[in-house]
Amino acid sequence: MFWLVSEGRMCDNARVGKNAPRRAGFTLVEILAVAAIVGTLAALLMPSLGAAREKSRAAACVNNLRQLGQAATIYNDDFDRLPVRDQSGYVIWQESEYLLYGQLLPGAGKQLGRVFFCPAARGFTLNAPDTGVQNLGVAGRLTASSYYMRGFAAGAPVRLDGQGGKALLADIFFGAGAARNHAGGANVLAADGSVRFVGLPGSWDIETPGAWSDLDR
């Protein structure tokens, strides 16, 4: 009797073990295969994501320049001139005064300060410790835009009237071969408020005499 009972239990236990569900999991080979697929997809998508990011930054840059063009038009209407000095440059605030197109800020408000910076800027970036937007209006500090502003010595117009495609600001860093904020050229704000992309060779330098004429339309 004991043997029969034991055998029955043994048979039942064997049956339970046979029908019990297998434990879910992945083998090392499966994990490696999935990792390889994910890596391949990431490699395929990265160029597309990078291009999309650059297009987004370029679009934001164009919007910045358009806003500056609108503010310059209002300034021109109020003072019958543009906020320009003899020399071209990047500095919009220095120690105790607004310079160049930085003169738009007292009337428009400091919130306009952010539009002086291209999102793709390689130099004079938005939050640069020594030259960033946080220094605007702070005594003894300096703020430099990432947009190069044309001065009278480089052919900047005194006022907007009849200037059409005359370039006012360019999204570019000075120096031959300098890194470009946007590959192949620069976004340029014209006196009529339009913004366009101008293709430029790598050796082109904004500080070369007559260089601004290459940006005029």
Protein backbone atom coordinates (compact mmCIF):
# COMPACT_ATOMS: atom_id res chain seq x y z
CA MET A 1 0.00 0.00 0.00
CA PHE A 2 2.79 2.37 0.92
CA TRP A 3 4.53 1.69 -2.36
CA LEU A 4 1.37 2.36 -4.34
CA VAL A 5 0.75 5.64 -2.56
CA SER A 6 4.35 6.71 -3.05
CA GLU A 7 4.24 5.78 -6.68
CA GLY A 8 1.05 7.77 -7.14
CA ARG A 9 2.64 10.77 -5.55
CA MET A 10 5.68 10.34 -7.68
CA CYS A 11 3.55 10.17 -10.82
CA ASP A 12 1.58 13.24 -9.80
CA ASN A 13 4.74 15.20 -9.08
CA ALA A 14 6.23 14.22 -12.42
CA ARG A 15 3.04 15.26 -14.21
CA VAL A 16 2.98 18.64 -12.45
CA GLY A 17 6.62 19.24 -13.30
CA LYS A 18 6.06 18.36 -16.94
CA ASN A 19 3.04 20.66 -17.38
CA ALA A 20 4.42 23.63 -15.35
CA PRO A 21 5.10 26.74 -17.52
CA ARG A 22 8.68 27.52 -18.39
CA ARG A 23 10.26 30.59 -16.77
CA ALA A 24 10.27 33.56 -19.16
CA GLY A 25 13.67 35.11 -20.04
CA PHE A 26 16.18 35.93 -22.77
CA THR A 27 19.28 34.08 -23.69
CA LEU A 28 22.59 35.91 -24.08
CA VAL A 29 22.41 35.41 -27.84
CA GLU A 30 18.96 37.05 -27.99
CA ILE A 31 20.11 40.02 -25.92
CA LEU A 32 23.16 40.54 -28.13
CA ALA A 33 21.01 40.33 -31.26
CA VAL A 34 18.59 42.97 -29.94
CA ALA A 35 21.48 45.23 -28.93
CA ALA A 36 22.98 44.94 -32.42
CA ILE A 37 19.65 45.86 -34.03
CA VAL A 38 19.19 48.88 -31.73
CA GLY A 39 22.74 50.02 -32.46
CA THR A 40 22.19 49.75 -36.21
CA LEU A 41 18.92 51.72 -36.03
CA ALA A 42 20.58 54.41 -33.92
CA ALA A 43 23.42 54.74 -36.43
CA LEU A 44 20.89 55.12 -39.26
CA LEU A 45 18.80 57.71 -37.40
CA MET A 46 21.58 59.90 -35.98
CA PRO A 47 22.33 61.80 -39.24
CA SER A 48 18.62 62.48 -39.74
CA LEU A 49 18.23 63.69 -36.14
CA GLY A 50 21.29 65.91 -36.50
CA ALA A 51 19.95 67.43 -39.72
CA ALA A 52 16.55 68.04 -38.11
CA ARG A 53 18.21 69.72 -35.14
CA GLU A 54 20.22 72.01 -37.44
CA LYS A 55 17.09 72.95 -39.41
CA SER A 56 15.32 73.82 -36.16
CA ARG A 57 18.21 76.02 -35.02
CA ALA A 58 18.44 77.70 -38.43
CA ALA A 59 14.71 78.46 -38.34
CA ALA A 60 15.03 79.94 -34.83
CA CYS A 61 17.96 82.06 -36.04
CA VAL A 62 15.89 83.43 -38.94
CA ASN A 63 13.08 84.27 -36.52
CA ASN A 64 15.55 86.11 -34.24
CA LEU A 65 16.82 88.24 -37.11
CA ARG A 66 13.29 89.06 -38.25
CA GLN A 67 12.41 90.27 -34.75
CA LEU A 68 15.54 92.43 -34.72
CA GLY A 69 14.53 93.80 -38.13
CA GLN A 70 11.09 94.73 -36.78
CA ALA A 71 12.62 96.42 -33.73
CA ALA A 72 15.07 98.29 -35.98
CA THR A 73 12.17 99.56 -38.09
CA ILE A 74 10.44 100.93 -34.99
CA TYR A 75 13.69 102.57 -33.85
CA ASN A 76 14.19 104.06 -37.31
CA ASP A 77 10.66 105.49 -37.25
CA ASP A 78 11.19 107.01 -33.80
CA PHE A 79 14.68 108.48 -34.32
CA ASP A 80 14.92 108.73 -38.11
CA ARG A 81 18.13 106.69 -38.06
CA LEU A 82 19.47 103.24 -37.31
CA PRO A 83 21.32 102.33 -34.08
CA VAL A 84 24.69 102.18 -35.84
CA ARG A 85 28.20 103.48 -35.10
CA ASP A 86 31.35 103.80 -37.18
CA GLN A 87 32.75 100.36 -36.39
CA SER A 88 31.08 97.01 -36.92
CA GLY A 89 30.97 94.63 -33.98
CA TYR A 90 29.24 92.18 -31.68
CA VAL A 91 29.03 94.13 -28.40
CA ILE A 92 25.53 95.35 -27.47
CA TRP A 93 26.22 96.30 -23.82
CA GLN A 94 29.49 97.54 -22.34
CA GLU A 95 29.87 98.59 -18.71
CA SER A 96 27.22 101.33 -18.64
CA GLU A 97 25.77 101.79 -22.12
CA TYR A 98 24.01 99.96 -24.93
CA LEU A 99 25.93 99.86 -28.21
CA LEU A 100 24.95 99.28 -31.84
CA TYR A 101 21.67 97.35 -32.06
CA GLY A 102 21.73 96.96 -28.31
CA GLN A 103 20.18 100.44 -28.36
CA LEU A 104 16.93 98.71 -29.34
CA LEU A 105 16.69 97.17 -25.88
CA PRO A 106 15.72 100.15 -23.65
CA GLY A 107 12.56 100.70 -25.71
CA ALA A 108 11.72 97.07 -26.44
CA GLY A 109 12.61 95.60 -23.05
CA LYS A 110 15.42 93.31 -21.94
CA GLN A 111 13.40 90.24 -22.95
CA LEU A 112 14.44 91.05 -26.52
CA GLY A 113 18.01 90.33 -25.43
CA ARG A 114 17.68 86.60 -26.12
CA VAL A 115 17.04 87.17 -29.83
CA PHE A 116 20.57 88.58 -30.20
CA PHE A 117 21.88 85.01 -29.95
CA CYS A 118 21.74 82.33 -32.62
CA PRO A 119 20.85 78.90 -31.10
CA ALA A 120 23.67 77.37 -33.17
CA ALA A 121 26.27 79.99 -32.18
CA ARG A 122 29.87 78.76 -31.86
CA GLY A 123 31.05 81.99 -30.21
CA PHE A 124 29.35 84.62 -28.03
CA THR A 125 26.67 82.17 -26.94
CA LEU A 126 23.52 83.02 -24.98
CA ASN A 127 24.84 82.01 -21.56
CA ALA A 128 28.57 82.60 -21.99
CA PRO A 129 29.84 83.69 -18.52
CA ASP A 130 31.72 86.80 -19.68
CA THR A 131 29.55 87.91 -22.61
CA GLY A 132 26.12 86.30 -22.18
CA VAL A 133 22.63 87.76 -21.92
CA GLN A 134 22.75 87.68 -18.11
CA ASN A 135 25.19 90.62 -18.21
CA LEU A 136 22.79 92.96 -20.03
CA GLY A 137 22.35 96.19 -18.11
CA VAL A 138 24.78 95.16 -15.36
CA ALA A 139 27.31 97.87 -14.56
CA GLY A 140 30.86 96.93 -15.41
CA ARG A 141 29.84 93.87 -17.45
CA LEU A 142 29.74 93.13 -21.18
CA THR A 143 27.28 91.40 -23.50
CA ALA A 144 28.20 90.38 -27.04
CA SER A 145 25.68 89.19 -29.61
CA SER A 146 26.42 86.24 -31.87
CA TYR A 147 25.24 88.44 -34.78
CA TYR A 148 27.81 90.71 -36.40
CA MET A 149 26.41 94.25 -36.80
CA ARG A 150 27.50 96.42 -39.70
CA GLY A 151 29.01 99.83 -38.94
CA PHE A 152 29.20 102.99 -41.04
CA ALA A 153 32.81 102.29 -41.98
CA ALA A 154 31.66 99.02 -43.57
CA GLY A 155 28.85 100.70 -45.51
CA ALA A 156 25.94 100.51 -43.08
CA PRO A 157 23.05 102.84 -44.01
CA VAL A 158 22.18 105.73 -41.72
CA ARG A 159 18.47 105.00 -42.05
CA LEU A 160 16.24 102.39 -43.67
CA ASP A 161 14.65 104.56 -46.35
CA GLY A 162 15.27 103.12 -49.80
CA GLN A 163 18.01 100.73 -48.64
CA GLY A 164 16.20 97.58 -49.76
CA GLY A 165 18.56 94.61 -49.65
CA LYS A 166 21.43 96.36 -47.86
CA ALA A 167 22.78 93.92 -45.25
CA LEU A 168 22.53 95.07 -41.62
CA LEU A 169 23.41 92.02 -39.52
CA ALA A 170 25.05 88.69 -40.33
CA ASP A 171 25.03 85.45 -38.37
CA ILE A 172 28.74 84.84 -38.67
CA PHE A 173 31.97 84.87 -36.65
CA PHE A 174 34.89 86.93 -37.96
CA GLY A 175 38.11 85.38 -39.22
CA ALA A 176 38.96 83.46 -42.39
CA GLY A 177 38.07 79.81 -41.93
CA ALA A 178 36.21 80.52 -38.68
CA ALA A 179 33.63 77.96 -37.63
CA ARG A 180 30.22 78.79 -39.08
CA ASN A 181 27.04 78.77 -37.05
CA HIS A 182 25.35 77.25 -40.10
CA ALA A 183 27.23 75.09 -42.58
CA GLY A 184 28.07 76.71 -45.89
CA GLY A 185 27.19 80.31 -45.13
CA ALA A 186 25.26 82.73 -42.95
CA ASN A 187 21.78 84.11 -42.32
CA VAL A 188 21.65 87.82 -43.16
CA LEU A 189 19.15 90.53 -42.14
CA ALA A 190 18.56 93.16 -44.83
CA ALA A 191 17.28 96.72 -44.45
CA ASP A 192 13.87 95.77 -45.85
CA GLY A 193 13.39 93.31 -42.98
CA SER A 194 13.95 90.18 -45.06
CA VAL A 195 16.25 87.39 -43.91
CA ARG A 196 18.03 85.08 -46.31
CA PHE A 197 20.80 82.49 -46.27
CA VAL A 198 23.92 83.51 -48.18
CA GLY A 199 26.37 80.80 -49.22
CA LEU A 200 30.00 81.69 -48.47
CA PRO A 201 33.35 79.95 -49.09
CA GLY A 202 35.32 78.78 -46.10
CA SER A 203 38.04 81.39 -46.69
CA TRP A 204 35.56 84.31 -46.59
CA ASP A 205 36.11 86.80 -43.75
CA ILE A 206 33.54 89.42 -42.71
CA GLU A 207 36.34 91.81 -41.72
CA THR A 208 37.93 91.87 -45.18
CA PRO A 209 37.40 95.31 -46.80
CA GLY A 210 34.32 95.20 -49.01
CA ALA A 211 33.15 91.85 -47.59
CA TRP A 212 29.76 93.22 -46.57
CA SER A 213 28.93 93.92 -50.22
CA ASP A 214 28.88 90.14 -50.73
CA LEU A 215 25.93 90.03 -48.33
CA ASP A 216 23.96 92.85 -49.96
CA ARG A 217 21.12 91.79 -52.23
